[in-house]
């Protein structure tokens, strides 16, 4: 017992120091809790737990609608891509002199095909008596009609498989 009374002042001083440190720590924790409460209030917009549930539910519904909308948009894009592949967007033209005795490149061949080589070739043959225009169907770069070298060339230029 004598040892306790001898060191009572030091024990009291140590306990007071530990108490003071704990008091400072409590003040720091209180300040942090206030900051967290402020951030939570800002995050929730002053709403309580019930409103938070409602907000999460609404966000979930909104995300579900966005997912549905994204699926529809993707389907539309895929449909547009399919339609674009069928479009006759590949075009080539060549002017040439069909008859060597005439002076100018007044004849022409135009090929209009899609990416599969399907479409048509349009040829205009100019002579002294006028211009005759012919259209020939094209399927996979070929025609059921005989093609002139110029027609074959414009189809090859327009369609590169």
N, C-alpha and C. Protein backbone atom coordinates (compact mmCIF):
# COMPACT_ATOMS: atom_id res chain seq x y z
N UNK A 1 0.80 -1.18 0.00
CA UNK A 1 0.00 0.00 0.00
C UNK A 1 0.85 1.25 0.00
N UNK A 2 1.97 1.11 0.54
CA UNK A 2 2.87 2.23 0.66
C UNK A 2 3.35 2.69 -0.72
N UNK A 3 3.49 1.75 -1.64
CA UNK A 3 3.94 2.10 -2.99
C UNK A 3 2.88 2.94 -3.69
N UNK A 4 1.60 2.60 -3.51
CA UNK A 4 0.52 3.36 -4.14
C UNK A 4 0.49 4.79 -3.63
N UNK A 5 0.65 4.96 -2.38
CA UNK A 5 0.62 6.33 -1.84
C UNK A 5 1.84 7.11 -2.28
N UNK A 6 2.97 6.41 -2.47
CA UNK A 6 4.18 7.11 -2.92
C UNK A 6 4.03 7.61 -4.36
N UNK A 7 3.36 6.81 -5.17
CA UNK A 7 3.23 7.17 -6.59
C UNK A 7 1.84 7.71 -6.93
N UNK A 8 1.07 8.03 -5.93
CA UNK A 8 -0.30 8.51 -6.15
C UNK A 8 -0.31 9.78 -6.99
N UNK A 9 0.59 10.66 -6.77
CA UNK A 9 0.64 11.90 -7.55
C UNK A 9 0.91 11.59 -9.03
N UNK A 10 1.86 10.67 -9.26
CA UNK A 10 2.21 10.32 -10.64
C UNK A 10 1.06 9.56 -11.32
N UNK A 11 0.42 8.70 -10.57
CA UNK A 11 -0.72 7.95 -11.11
C UNK A 11 -1.85 8.91 -11.44
N UNK A 12 -2.10 9.86 -10.58
CA UNK A 12 -3.15 10.85 -10.82
C UNK A 12 -2.80 11.69 -12.04
N UNK A 13 -1.56 12.11 -12.12
CA UNK A 13 -1.11 12.92 -13.25
C UNK A 13 -1.21 12.12 -14.56
N UNK A 14 -0.81 10.85 -14.55
CA UNK A 14 -0.90 9.99 -15.73
C UNK A 14 -2.34 9.76 -16.14
N UNK A 15 -3.19 9.52 -15.16
CA UNK A 15 -4.62 9.31 -15.44
C UNK A 15 -5.22 10.58 -16.02
N UNK A 16 -4.85 11.72 -15.48
CA UNK A 16 -5.35 13.00 -15.99
C UNK A 16 -4.88 13.22 -17.43
N UNK A 17 -3.61 12.87 -17.71
CA UNK A 17 -3.07 13.03 -19.07
C UNK A 17 -3.81 12.12 -20.04
N UNK A 18 -4.02 10.87 -19.65
CA UNK A 18 -4.76 9.93 -20.50
C UNK A 18 -6.19 10.43 -20.69
N UNK A 19 -6.81 10.93 -19.64
CA UNK A 19 -8.17 11.47 -19.72
C UNK A 19 -8.22 12.67 -20.66
N UNK A 20 -7.19 13.53 -20.57
CA UNK A 20 -7.14 14.72 -21.44
C UNK A 20 -6.99 14.29 -22.90
N UNK A 21 -6.11 13.32 -23.15
CA UNK A 21 -5.92 12.81 -24.52
C UNK A 21 -7.21 12.19 -25.03
N UNK A 22 -7.90 11.43 -24.19
CA UNK A 22 -9.18 10.84 -24.59
C UNK A 22 -10.22 11.91 -24.85
N UNK A 23 -10.21 12.98 -24.04
CA UNK A 23 -11.14 14.09 -24.23
C UNK A 23 -10.89 14.74 -25.59
N UNK A 24 -9.61 14.98 -25.94
CA UNK A 24 -9.27 15.57 -27.25
C UNK A 24 -9.72 14.63 -28.37
N UNK A 25 -9.48 13.34 -28.18
CA UNK A 25 -9.88 12.35 -29.18
C UNK A 25 -11.40 12.35 -29.37
N UNK A 26 -12.14 12.47 -28.29
CA UNK A 26 -13.61 12.54 -28.37
C UNK A 26 -14.03 13.78 -29.13
N UNK A 27 -13.38 14.92 -28.88
CA UNK A 27 -13.71 16.16 -29.60
C UNK A 27 -13.44 16.00 -31.10
N UNK A 28 -12.33 15.37 -31.45
CA UNK A 28 -12.01 15.13 -32.86
C UNK A 28 -13.06 14.23 -33.49
N UNK A 29 -13.44 13.18 -32.79
CA UNK A 29 -14.46 12.26 -33.32
C UNK A 29 -15.81 12.95 -33.47
N UNK A 30 -16.16 13.81 -32.53
CA UNK A 30 -17.42 14.56 -32.64
C UNK A 30 -17.39 15.45 -33.88
N UNK A 31 -16.25 16.11 -34.12
CA UNK A 31 -16.12 16.97 -35.30
C UNK A 31 -16.25 16.14 -36.58
N UNK A 32 -15.64 14.96 -36.60
CA UNK A 32 -15.73 14.09 -37.78
C UNK A 32 -17.16 13.61 -37.99
N UNK A 33 -17.84 13.28 -36.91
CA UNK A 33 -19.24 12.83 -37.03
C UNK A 33 -20.11 13.95 -37.57
N UNK A 34 -19.89 15.18 -37.09
CA UNK A 34 -20.65 16.32 -37.61
C UNK A 34 -20.41 16.49 -39.11
N UNK A 35 -19.14 16.36 -39.52
CA UNK A 35 -18.83 16.47 -40.95
C UNK A 35 -19.51 15.38 -41.76
N UNK A 36 -19.50 14.17 -41.25
CA UNK A 36 -20.17 13.06 -41.94
C UNK A 36 -21.67 13.27 -42.01
N UNK A 37 -22.24 13.79 -40.90
CA UNK A 37 -23.69 14.08 -40.91
C UNK A 37 -24.01 15.13 -41.96
N UNK A 38 -23.16 16.17 -42.05
CA UNK A 38 -23.37 17.23 -43.02
C UNK A 38 -23.30 16.65 -44.44
N UNK A 39 -22.30 15.81 -44.70
CA UNK A 39 -22.17 15.20 -46.03
C UNK A 39 -23.35 14.29 -46.34
N UNK A 40 -23.79 13.52 -45.35
CA UNK A 40 -24.93 12.64 -45.55
C UNK A 40 -26.20 13.44 -45.83
N UNK A 41 -26.37 14.53 -45.09
CA UNK A 41 -27.55 15.37 -45.30
C UNK A 41 -27.51 15.98 -46.70
N UNK A 42 -26.31 16.41 -47.12
CA UNK A 42 -26.17 16.96 -48.47
C UNK A 42 -26.45 15.89 -49.52
N UNK A 43 -25.94 14.68 -49.28
CA UNK A 43 -26.15 13.57 -50.21
C UNK A 43 -27.62 13.21 -50.32
N UNK A 44 -28.29 13.15 -49.20
CA UNK A 44 -29.70 12.77 -49.19
C UNK A 44 -30.62 13.95 -49.47
N UNK A 45 -30.08 15.14 -49.47
CA UNK A 45 -30.91 16.31 -49.70
C UNK A 45 -31.88 16.54 -48.57
N UNK A 46 -31.49 16.22 -47.39
CA UNK A 46 -32.35 16.42 -46.24
C UNK A 46 -33.38 15.32 -46.08
N UNK A 47 -33.30 14.29 -46.90
CA UNK A 47 -34.28 13.21 -46.83
C UNK A 47 -33.87 12.20 -45.77
N UNK A 48 -34.86 11.51 -45.28
CA UNK A 48 -34.61 10.47 -44.29
C UNK A 48 -34.43 9.12 -44.95
N UNK A 49 -34.42 8.08 -44.13
CA UNK A 49 -34.20 6.72 -44.63
C UNK A 49 -35.33 6.29 -45.57
N UNK A 50 -36.57 6.67 -45.26
CA UNK A 50 -37.72 6.32 -46.10
C UNK A 50 -37.54 6.94 -47.49
N UNK A 51 -37.16 8.22 -47.50
CA UNK A 51 -36.95 8.90 -48.77
C UNK A 51 -35.76 8.32 -49.53
N UNK A 52 -34.77 7.86 -48.80
CA UNK A 52 -33.61 7.23 -49.44
C UNK A 52 -34.04 5.95 -50.16
N UNK A 53 -34.88 5.16 -49.52
CA UNK A 53 -35.40 3.95 -50.16
C UNK A 53 -36.16 4.30 -51.43
N UNK A 54 -36.99 5.33 -51.34
CA UNK A 54 -37.78 5.76 -52.50
C UNK A 54 -36.86 6.25 -53.61
N UNK A 55 -35.84 6.99 -53.25
CA UNK A 55 -34.89 7.49 -54.23
C UNK A 55 -34.15 6.34 -54.91
N UNK A 56 -33.73 5.35 -54.16
CA UNK A 56 -33.05 4.18 -54.73
C UNK A 56 -34.00 3.42 -55.65
N UNK A 57 -35.26 3.27 -55.24
CA UNK A 57 -36.25 2.57 -56.06
C UNK A 57 -36.46 3.32 -57.39
N UNK A 58 -36.59 4.65 -57.31
CA UNK A 58 -36.78 5.44 -58.53
C UNK A 58 -35.56 5.34 -59.44
N UNK A 59 -34.38 5.39 -58.85
CA UNK A 59 -33.16 5.25 -59.66
C UNK A 59 -33.10 3.88 -60.32
N UNK A 60 -33.52 2.85 -59.61
CA UNK A 60 -33.54 1.50 -60.18
C UNK A 60 -34.52 1.44 -61.35
N UNK A 61 -35.70 2.02 -61.19
CA UNK A 61 -36.68 2.05 -62.28
C UNK A 61 -36.13 2.82 -63.48
N UNK A 62 -35.48 3.95 -63.19
CA UNK A 62 -34.91 4.77 -64.26
C UNK A 62 -33.83 3.99 -65.02
N UNK A 63 -32.99 3.27 -64.29
CA UNK A 63 -31.96 2.45 -64.94
C UNK A 63 -32.58 1.35 -65.79
N UNK A 64 -33.66 0.75 -65.30
CA UNK A 64 -34.34 -0.29 -66.08
C UNK A 64 -34.88 0.30 -67.39
N UNK A 65 -35.47 1.50 -67.31
CA UNK A 65 -35.97 2.16 -68.52
C UNK A 65 -34.83 2.48 -69.47
N UNK A 66 -33.70 2.94 -68.93
CA UNK A 66 -32.54 3.24 -69.77
C UNK A 66 -32.02 1.98 -70.45
N UNK A 67 -32.03 0.86 -69.73
CA UNK A 67 -31.60 -0.41 -70.32
C UNK A 67 -32.52 -0.80 -71.48
N UNK A 68 -33.83 -0.66 -71.28
CA UNK A 68 -34.79 -0.97 -72.35
C UNK A 68 -34.56 -0.05 -73.54
N UNK A 69 -34.35 1.22 -73.26
CA UNK A 69 -34.12 2.19 -74.33
C UNK A 69 -32.83 1.85 -75.09
N UNK A 70 -31.81 1.45 -74.38
CA UNK A 70 -30.55 1.08 -75.02
C UNK A 70 -30.74 -0.13 -75.92
N UNK A 71 -31.52 -1.10 -75.48
CA UNK A 71 -31.80 -2.28 -76.31
C UNK A 71 -32.51 -1.86 -77.59
N UNK A 72 -33.52 -0.97 -77.46
CA UNK A 72 -34.25 -0.49 -78.64
C UNK A 72 -33.31 0.27 -79.58
N UNK A 73 -32.45 1.10 -79.02
CA UNK A 73 -31.51 1.87 -79.86
C UNK A 73 -30.56 0.92 -80.58
N UNK A 74 -30.05 -0.08 -79.88
CA UNK A 74 -29.15 -1.05 -80.51
C UNK A 74 -29.86 -1.81 -81.64
N UNK A 75 -31.13 -2.17 -81.42
CA UNK A 75 -31.89 -2.86 -82.47
C UNK A 75 -32.08 -1.95 -83.68
N UNK A 76 -32.37 -0.68 -83.42
CA UNK A 76 -32.54 0.28 -84.51
C UNK A 76 -31.25 0.45 -85.29
N UNK A 77 -30.13 0.54 -84.58
CA UNK A 77 -28.84 0.68 -85.25
C UNK A 77 -28.54 -0.54 -86.10
N UNK A 78 -28.79 -1.73 -85.56
CA UNK A 78 -28.55 -2.96 -86.33
C UNK A 78 -29.43 -3.00 -87.58
N UNK A 79 -30.69 -2.57 -87.44
CA UNK A 79 -31.59 -2.54 -88.59
C UNK A 79 -31.08 -1.55 -89.64
N UNK A 80 -30.62 -0.39 -89.18
CA UNK A 80 -30.09 0.61 -90.11
C UNK A 80 -28.84 0.10 -90.82
N UNK A 81 -28.00 -0.62 -90.11
CA UNK A 81 -26.80 -1.18 -90.73
C UNK A 81 -27.19 -2.20 -91.80
N UNK A 82 -28.19 -3.04 -91.48
CA UNK A 82 -28.66 -4.01 -92.49
C UNK A 82 -29.22 -3.29 -93.71
N UNK A 83 -29.99 -2.23 -93.49
CA UNK A 83 -30.56 -1.48 -94.61
C UNK A 83 -29.47 -0.80 -95.42
N UNK A 84 -28.46 -0.28 -94.74
CA UNK A 84 -27.38 0.40 -95.45
C UNK A 84 -26.60 -0.58 -96.33
N UNK A 85 -26.48 -1.82 -95.86
CA UNK A 85 -25.78 -2.82 -96.66
C UNK A 85 -26.52 -3.12 -97.96
N UNK A 86 -27.84 -2.96 -97.94
CA UNK A 86 -28.66 -3.22 -99.12
C UNK A 86 -28.73 -2.00 -100.04
N UNK A 87 -28.29 -0.85 -99.57
CA UNK A 87 -28.37 0.37 -100.37
C UNK A 87 -27.38 0.29 -101.53
N UNK A 88 -27.79 0.83 -102.63
CA UNK A 88 -26.93 0.86 -103.81
C UNK A 88 -26.06 2.11 -103.72
N UNK A 89 -25.02 2.03 -102.92
CA UNK A 89 -24.21 3.21 -102.63
C UNK A 89 -22.87 3.20 -103.36
N UNK A 90 -22.50 2.09 -103.96
CA UNK A 90 -21.21 2.01 -104.65
C UNK A 90 -21.44 2.34 -106.12
N UNK A 91 -20.86 3.44 -106.56
CA UNK A 91 -21.10 3.94 -107.91
C UNK A 91 -19.77 4.16 -108.62
N UNK A 92 -19.75 3.83 -109.89
CA UNK A 92 -18.58 4.11 -110.72
C UNK A 92 -19.07 4.51 -112.10
N UNK A 93 -18.34 5.41 -112.74
CA UNK A 93 -18.72 5.88 -114.08
C UNK A 93 -17.48 5.91 -114.96
N UNK A 94 -17.69 5.61 -116.22
CA UNK A 94 -16.61 5.69 -117.20
C UNK A 94 -17.18 6.27 -118.49
N UNK A 95 -16.48 7.28 -118.98
CA UNK A 95 -16.82 7.84 -120.30
C UNK A 95 -15.82 7.29 -121.30
N UNK A 96 -16.32 7.00 -122.49
CA UNK A 96 -15.43 6.43 -123.51
C UNK A 96 -16.00 6.70 -124.90
N UNK A 97 -15.16 6.45 -125.88
CA UNK A 97 -15.54 6.61 -127.27
C UNK A 97 -15.91 5.23 -127.79
N UNK A 98 -17.20 4.99 -127.99
CA UNK A 98 -17.66 3.67 -128.40
C UNK A 98 -17.31 3.37 -129.86
N UNK A 99 -17.24 4.39 -130.68
CA UNK A 99 -16.92 4.21 -132.10
C UNK A 99 -15.70 5.07 -132.41
N UNK A 100 -14.65 4.45 -132.85
CA UNK A 100 -13.38 5.16 -133.05
C UNK A 100 -13.47 6.24 -134.12
N UNK A 101 -14.40 6.10 -135.06
CA UNK A 101 -14.47 7.10 -136.13
C UNK A 101 -15.10 8.41 -135.66
N UNK A 102 -15.73 8.43 -134.50
CA UNK A 102 -16.29 9.66 -133.96
C UNK A 102 -15.29 10.25 -132.98
N UNK A 103 -15.37 11.55 -132.76
CA UNK A 103 -14.29 12.24 -132.10
C UNK A 103 -14.26 12.32 -130.60
N UNK A 104 -15.26 11.97 -129.84
CA UNK A 104 -15.24 12.34 -128.43
C UNK A 104 -15.75 11.21 -127.54
N UNK A 105 -15.47 11.32 -126.24
CA UNK A 105 -15.93 10.33 -125.26
C UNK A 105 -17.36 10.65 -124.84
N UNK A 106 -18.32 10.39 -125.72
CA UNK A 106 -19.71 10.71 -125.43
C UNK A 106 -20.51 9.51 -124.95
N UNK A 107 -19.94 8.33 -125.02
CA UNK A 107 -20.60 7.13 -124.49
C UNK A 107 -20.21 6.98 -123.03
N UNK A 108 -21.03 6.26 -122.27
CA UNK A 108 -20.74 6.11 -120.84
C UNK A 108 -21.29 4.79 -120.32
N UNK A 109 -20.73 4.36 -119.21
CA UNK A 109 -21.26 3.23 -118.44
C UNK A 109 -21.22 3.63 -116.98
N UNK A 110 -22.32 3.39 -116.28
CA UNK A 110 -22.43 3.69 -114.86
C UNK A 110 -22.86 2.41 -114.15
N UNK A 111 -22.10 2.03 -113.13
CA UNK A 111 -22.48 0.88 -112.30
C UNK A 111 -22.93 1.39 -110.94
N UNK A 112 -24.07 0.89 -110.48
CA UNK A 112 -24.60 1.23 -109.16
C UNK A 112 -24.91 -0.10 -108.47
N UNK A 113 -24.11 -0.42 -107.44
CA UNK A 113 -24.26 -1.71 -106.75
C UNK A 113 -24.16 -1.52 -105.24
N UNK A 114 -24.65 -2.53 -104.51
CA UNK A 114 -24.51 -2.51 -103.05
C UNK A 114 -23.26 -3.29 -102.68
N UNK A 115 -23.08 -3.53 -101.39
CA UNK A 115 -21.84 -4.20 -100.96
C UNK A 115 -21.80 -5.67 -101.34
N UNK A 116 -22.92 -6.22 -101.80
CA UNK A 116 -22.96 -7.61 -102.25
C UNK A 116 -22.74 -7.71 -103.77
N UNK A 117 -22.59 -6.57 -104.43
CA UNK A 117 -22.41 -6.57 -105.88
C UNK A 117 -23.71 -6.68 -106.63
N UNK A 118 -24.83 -6.38 -105.96
CA UNK A 118 -26.14 -6.43 -106.59
C UNK A 118 -26.57 -5.01 -106.96
N UNK A 119 -27.11 -4.84 -108.16
CA UNK A 119 -27.57 -3.53 -108.60
C UNK A 119 -27.82 -3.53 -110.09
N UNK A 120 -27.26 -2.53 -110.77
CA UNK A 120 -27.44 -2.44 -112.21
C UNK A 120 -26.28 -1.67 -112.83
N UNK A 121 -26.15 -1.84 -114.14
CA UNK A 121 -25.20 -1.05 -114.91
C UNK A 121 -26.00 -0.37 -116.01
N UNK A 122 -25.77 0.90 -116.18
CA UNK A 122 -26.48 1.72 -117.16
C UNK A 122 -25.46 2.17 -118.19
N UNK A 123 -25.74 1.90 -119.46
CA UNK A 123 -24.79 2.24 -120.52
C UNK A 123 -25.49 3.08 -121.57
N UNK A 124 -24.83 4.15 -121.96
CA UNK A 124 -25.32 5.00 -123.04
C UNK A 124 -24.32 4.95 -124.19
N UNK A 125 -24.76 4.48 -125.35
CA UNK A 125 -23.89 4.39 -126.53
C UNK A 125 -24.28 5.53 -127.46
N UNK A 126 -23.31 6.43 -127.69
CA UNK A 126 -23.56 7.59 -128.55
C UNK A 126 -23.08 7.28 -129.96
N UNK A 127 -23.95 7.57 -130.93
CA UNK A 127 -23.58 7.41 -132.34
C UNK A 127 -24.04 8.66 -133.09
N UNK A 128 -23.83 8.66 -134.39
CA UNK A 128 -24.26 9.81 -135.20
C UNK A 128 -25.78 9.98 -135.15
N UNK A 129 -26.50 8.91 -134.92
CA UNK A 129 -27.96 8.95 -134.97
C UNK A 129 -28.60 9.18 -133.62
N UNK A 130 -27.80 9.34 -132.57
CA UNK A 130 -28.36 9.58 -131.24
C UNK A 130 -27.68 8.71 -130.18
N UNK A 131 -28.27 8.70 -129.02
CA UNK A 131 -27.72 7.92 -127.92
C UNK A 131 -28.73 6.86 -127.51
N UNK A 132 -28.27 5.62 -127.44
CA UNK A 132 -29.10 4.51 -126.99
C UNK A 132 -28.68 4.18 -125.56
N UNK A 133 -29.65 4.06 -124.66
CA UNK A 133 -29.35 3.78 -123.26
C UNK A 133 -29.84 2.37 -122.93
N UNK A 134 -28.97 1.61 -122.27
CA UNK A 134 -29.28 0.23 -121.90
C UNK A 134 -29.05 0.05 -120.40
N UNK A 135 -29.93 -0.71 -119.78
CA UNK A 135 -29.76 -1.04 -118.36
C UNK A 135 -29.68 -2.56 -118.25
N UNK A 136 -28.72 -3.01 -117.44
CA UNK A 136 -28.55 -4.45 -117.24
C UNK A 136 -28.49 -4.72 -115.75
N UNK A 137 -29.22 -5.74 -115.29
CA UNK A 137 -29.16 -6.07 -113.86
C UNK A 137 -27.81 -6.71 -113.52
N UNK A 138 -27.38 -6.49 -112.29
CA UNK A 138 -26.11 -7.06 -111.82
C UNK A 138 -26.40 -7.82 -110.54
N UNK A 139 -25.91 -9.06 -110.49
CA UNK A 139 -26.07 -9.89 -109.30
C UNK A 139 -24.69 -10.46 -108.95
N UNK A 140 -24.19 -10.08 -107.78
CA UNK A 140 -22.86 -10.52 -107.32
C UNK A 140 -21.78 -10.19 -108.34
N UNK A 141 -21.88 -9.01 -108.93
CA UNK A 141 -20.86 -8.55 -109.87
C UNK A 141 -20.99 -9.10 -111.27
N UNK A 142 -22.01 -9.92 -111.52
CA UNK A 142 -22.21 -10.54 -112.83
C UNK A 142 -23.60 -10.16 -113.35
N UNK A 143 -23.77 -10.27 -114.66
CA UNK A 143 -25.07 -10.00 -115.26
C UNK A 143 -25.47 -11.19 -116.12
N UNK A 144 -26.77 -11.40 -116.24
CA UNK A 144 -27.26 -12.46 -117.12
C UNK A 144 -27.13 -12.04 -118.58
N UNK A 145 -26.85 -10.76 -118.82
CA UNK A 145 -26.63 -10.24 -120.17
C UNK A 145 -25.13 -10.11 -120.40
N UNK A 146 -24.75 -10.15 -121.65
CA UNK A 146 -23.33 -9.98 -121.99
C UNK A 146 -22.90 -8.56 -121.66
N UNK A 147 -21.77 -8.46 -120.97
CA UNK A 147 -21.26 -7.15 -120.56
C UNK A 147 -20.11 -6.73 -121.45
N UNK A 148 -20.09 -5.45 -121.78
CA UNK A 148 -18.95 -4.91 -122.54
C UNK A 148 -17.76 -4.76 -121.59
N UNK A 149 -16.57 -4.61 -122.13
CA UNK A 149 -15.40 -4.41 -121.26
C UNK A 149 -15.55 -3.18 -120.35
N UNK A 150 -16.17 -2.13 -120.86
CA UNK A 150 -16.37 -0.92 -120.06
C UNK A 150 -17.35 -1.18 -118.92
N UNK A 151 -18.41 -1.93 -119.20
CA UNK A 151 -19.37 -2.27 -118.16
C UNK A 151 -18.73 -3.14 -117.09
N UNK A 152 -17.94 -4.11 -117.51
CA UNK A 152 -17.24 -4.97 -116.56
C UNK A 152 -16.29 -4.13 -115.70
N UNK A 153 -15.62 -3.17 -116.32
CA UNK A 153 -14.68 -2.32 -115.59
C UNK A 153 -15.39 -1.47 -114.53
N UNK A 154 -16.52 -0.84 -114.89
CA UNK A 154 -17.19 0.01 -113.90
C UNK A 154 -17.80 -0.82 -112.77
N UNK A 155 -18.27 -2.03 -113.07
CA UNK A 155 -18.77 -2.90 -112.00
C UNK A 155 -17.63 -3.26 -111.07
N UNK A 156 -16.47 -3.61 -111.63
CA UNK A 156 -15.31 -3.96 -110.82
C UNK A 156 -14.87 -2.76 -109.96
N UNK A 157 -14.92 -1.55 -110.52
CA UNK A 157 -14.53 -0.36 -109.76
C UNK A 157 -15.53 -0.04 -108.65
N UNK A 158 -16.81 -0.27 -108.93
CA UNK A 158 -17.84 0.06 -107.93
C UNK A 158 -17.92 -0.98 -106.82
N UNK A 159 -17.68 -2.23 -107.19
CA UNK A 159 -17.81 -3.32 -106.20
C UNK A 159 -16.49 -3.99 -105.98
N UNK A 160 -16.01 -3.86 -104.77
CA UNK A 160 -14.76 -4.53 -104.38
C UNK A 160 -15.08 -5.47 -103.24
N UNK A 161 -15.33 -6.76 -103.57
CA UNK A 161 -15.75 -7.71 -102.52
C UNK A 161 -14.69 -7.91 -101.44
